[in-house]
Amino acid sequence: MAFESIPEFLKMGTHGIYVWSTYGISLIALVGLFVSTRVSNCKLRKQLKKRYQREQSR
């Protein structure tokens, strides 16, 4: 095993702060993209449903 303990693994020598902050920033970006896509999808579905109902009532 490359690391002797969990705390040593988390520190990764002196590079832990850079490695884990990169993972954190990437996770935040992916979650933001997922949420943004879900919100846009929901809005689009509502718009299409309203359009369909308007066209059916004609």
N, C-alpha and C. Protein backbone atom coordinates (compact mmCIF):
# COMPACT_ATOMS: atom_id res chain seq x y z
N MET A 1 0.85 -1.17 0.00
CA MET A 1 0.00 0.00 0.00
C MET A 1 0.90 1.24 0.00
N ALA A 2 0.51 2.27 -0.74
CA ALA A 2 1.32 3.46 -0.88
C ALA A 2 1.29 4.33 0.38
N PHE A 3 0.18 4.28 1.14
CA PHE A 3 0.05 5.11 2.34
C PHE A 3 -0.13 4.20 3.55
N GLU A 4 0.43 4.61 4.66
CA GLU A 4 0.39 3.80 5.88
C GLU A 4 -0.92 3.93 6.65
N SER A 5 -1.63 5.08 6.50
CA SER A 5 -2.86 5.29 7.25
C SER A 5 -3.80 6.19 6.46
N ILE A 6 -5.03 6.26 6.91
CA ILE A 6 -6.04 7.10 6.25
C ILE A 6 -5.66 8.58 6.32
N PRO A 7 -5.26 9.10 7.49
CA PRO A 7 -4.87 10.51 7.53
C PRO A 7 -3.70 10.83 6.58
N GLU A 8 -2.76 9.90 6.47
CA GLU A 8 -1.65 10.10 5.54
C GLU A 8 -2.14 10.12 4.10
N PHE A 9 -3.11 9.24 3.81
CA PHE A 9 -3.71 9.23 2.47
C PHE A 9 -4.41 10.55 2.18
N LEU A 10 -5.16 11.08 3.15
CA LEU A 10 -5.87 12.34 2.94
C LEU A 10 -4.91 13.51 2.76
N LYS A 11 -3.78 13.49 3.44
CA LYS A 11 -2.78 14.55 3.30
C LYS A 11 -2.02 14.43 1.98
N MET A 12 -1.82 13.21 1.50
CA MET A 12 -1.08 12.92 0.27
C MET A 12 0.25 13.68 0.24
N GLY A 13 0.98 13.51 1.27
CA GLY A 13 2.24 14.25 1.38
C GLY A 13 1.89 15.72 1.60
N THR A 14 2.32 16.57 0.70
CA THR A 14 1.98 18.00 0.81
C THR A 14 0.98 18.41 -0.27
N HIS A 15 0.47 17.45 -1.02
CA HIS A 15 -0.41 17.78 -2.15
C HIS A 15 -1.89 17.56 -1.87
N GLY A 16 -2.24 17.14 -0.68
CA GLY A 16 -3.63 16.82 -0.35
C GLY A 16 -4.59 17.97 -0.58
N ILE A 17 -4.22 19.17 -0.19
CA ILE A 17 -5.12 20.32 -0.32
C ILE A 17 -5.46 20.59 -1.79
N TYR A 18 -4.51 20.41 -2.66
CA TYR A 18 -4.74 20.65 -4.09
C TYR A 18 -5.59 19.53 -4.70
N VAL A 19 -5.28 18.31 -4.33
CA VAL A 19 -6.01 17.17 -4.88
C VAL A 19 -7.47 17.21 -4.43
N TRP A 20 -7.71 17.36 -3.13
CA TRP A 20 -9.09 17.30 -2.62
C TRP A 20 -9.89 18.54 -3.01
N SER A 21 -9.25 19.70 -3.11
CA SER A 21 -9.99 20.88 -3.54
C SER A 21 -10.39 20.74 -5.01
N THR A 22 -9.55 20.10 -5.81
CA THR A 22 -9.90 19.85 -7.21
C THR A 22 -11.09 18.92 -7.32
N TYR A 23 -11.08 17.86 -6.51
CA TYR A 23 -12.23 16.96 -6.49
C TYR A 23 -13.49 17.70 -6.05
N GLY A 24 -13.38 18.55 -5.04
CA GLY A 24 -14.53 19.29 -4.55
C GLY A 24 -15.09 20.25 -5.59
N ILE A 25 -14.22 20.98 -6.25
CA ILE A 25 -14.66 21.93 -7.28
C ILE A 25 -15.32 21.17 -8.43
N SER A 26 -14.75 20.05 -8.82
CA SER A 26 -15.33 19.25 -9.90
C SER A 26 -16.71 18.72 -9.51
N LEU A 27 -16.84 18.27 -8.27
CA LEU A 27 -18.13 17.77 -7.80
C LEU A 27 -19.18 18.88 -7.78
N ILE A 28 -18.80 20.05 -7.32
CA ILE A 28 -19.73 21.19 -7.30
C ILE A 28 -20.16 21.54 -8.72
N ALA A 29 -19.22 21.55 -9.66
CA ALA A 29 -19.55 21.86 -11.05
C ALA A 29 -20.51 20.83 -11.64
N LEU A 30 -20.27 19.55 -11.37
CA LEU A 30 -21.14 18.50 -11.90
C LEU A 30 -22.53 18.56 -11.30
N VAL A 31 -22.62 18.81 -10.01
CA VAL A 31 -23.92 18.93 -9.36
C VAL A 31 -24.66 20.15 -9.90
N GLY A 32 -23.96 21.25 -10.08
CA GLY A 32 -24.58 22.45 -10.66
C GLY A 32 -25.09 22.21 -12.07
N LEU A 33 -24.32 21.51 -12.86
CA LEU A 33 -24.75 21.18 -14.22
C LEU A 33 -25.98 20.28 -14.20
N PHE A 34 -25.99 19.30 -13.31
CA PHE A 34 -27.13 18.39 -13.19
C PHE A 34 -28.40 19.15 -12.79
N VAL A 35 -28.28 20.00 -11.78
CA VAL A 35 -29.44 20.77 -11.31
C VAL A 35 -29.92 21.72 -12.39
N SER A 36 -29.02 22.40 -13.05
CA SER A 36 -29.38 23.32 -14.13
C SER A 36 -30.12 22.60 -15.25
N THR A 37 -29.63 21.44 -15.61
CA THR A 37 -30.28 20.66 -16.67
C THR A 37 -31.67 20.22 -16.25
N ARG A 38 -31.82 19.77 -15.01
CA ARG A 38 -33.13 19.33 -14.53
C ARG A 38 -34.13 20.49 -14.51
N VAL A 39 -33.70 21.67 -14.07
CA VAL A 39 -34.58 22.83 -14.03
C VAL A 39 -34.99 23.24 -15.45
N SER A 40 -34.04 23.27 -16.37
CA SER A 40 -34.34 23.62 -17.76
C SER A 40 -35.30 22.61 -18.38
N ASN A 41 -35.08 21.34 -18.10
CA ASN A 41 -35.94 20.29 -18.62
C ASN A 41 -37.37 20.44 -18.10
N CYS A 42 -37.50 20.75 -16.83
CA CYS A 42 -38.82 20.94 -16.22
C CYS A 42 -39.54 22.13 -16.85
N LYS A 43 -38.85 23.24 -17.02
CA LYS A 43 -39.45 24.42 -17.65
C LYS A 43 -39.88 24.13 -19.08
N LEU A 44 -39.05 23.43 -19.83
CA LEU A 44 -39.37 23.10 -21.21
C LEU A 44 -40.59 22.19 -21.28
N ARG A 45 -40.69 21.21 -20.40
CA ARG A 45 -41.85 20.32 -20.38
C ARG A 45 -43.13 21.10 -20.10
N LYS A 46 -43.07 22.05 -19.16
CA LYS A 46 -44.25 22.86 -18.84
C LYS A 46 -44.66 23.71 -20.04
N GLN A 47 -43.69 24.31 -20.73
CA GLN A 47 -43.99 25.12 -21.91
C GLN A 47 -44.61 24.27 -23.01
N LEU A 48 -44.07 23.09 -23.24
CA LEU A 48 -44.62 22.22 -24.27
C LEU A 48 -46.01 21.73 -23.91
N LYS A 49 -46.23 21.45 -22.64
CA LYS A 49 -47.56 21.01 -22.20
C LYS A 49 -48.58 22.12 -22.41
N LYS A 50 -48.24 23.37 -22.08
CA LYS A 50 -49.15 24.49 -22.29
C LYS A 50 -49.44 24.69 -23.77
N ARG A 51 -48.40 24.59 -24.61
CA ARG A 51 -48.57 24.75 -26.04
C ARG A 51 -49.50 23.66 -26.59
N TYR A 52 -49.30 22.44 -26.15
CA TYR A 52 -50.12 21.33 -26.61
C TYR A 52 -51.58 21.54 -26.19
N GLN A 53 -51.80 21.99 -24.96
CA GLN A 53 -53.17 22.23 -24.49
C GLN A 53 -53.83 23.36 -25.26
N ARG A 54 -53.08 24.43 -25.60
CA ARG A 54 -53.62 25.53 -26.39
C ARG A 54 -54.03 25.05 -27.77
N GLU A 55 -53.18 24.22 -28.38
CA GLU A 55 -53.48 23.75 -29.73
C GLU A 55 -54.64 22.77 -29.73
N GLN A 56 -54.83 22.01 -28.66
CA GLN A 56 -55.94 21.07 -28.58
C GLN A 56 -57.28 21.78 -28.35
N SER A 57 -57.23 22.95 -27.74
CA SER A 57 -58.48 23.66 -27.44
C SER A 57 -59.00 24.45 -28.63
N ARG A 58 -58.24 24.55 -29.70
CA ARG A 58 -58.68 25.30 -30.88
C ARG A 58 -59.69 24.57 -31.67
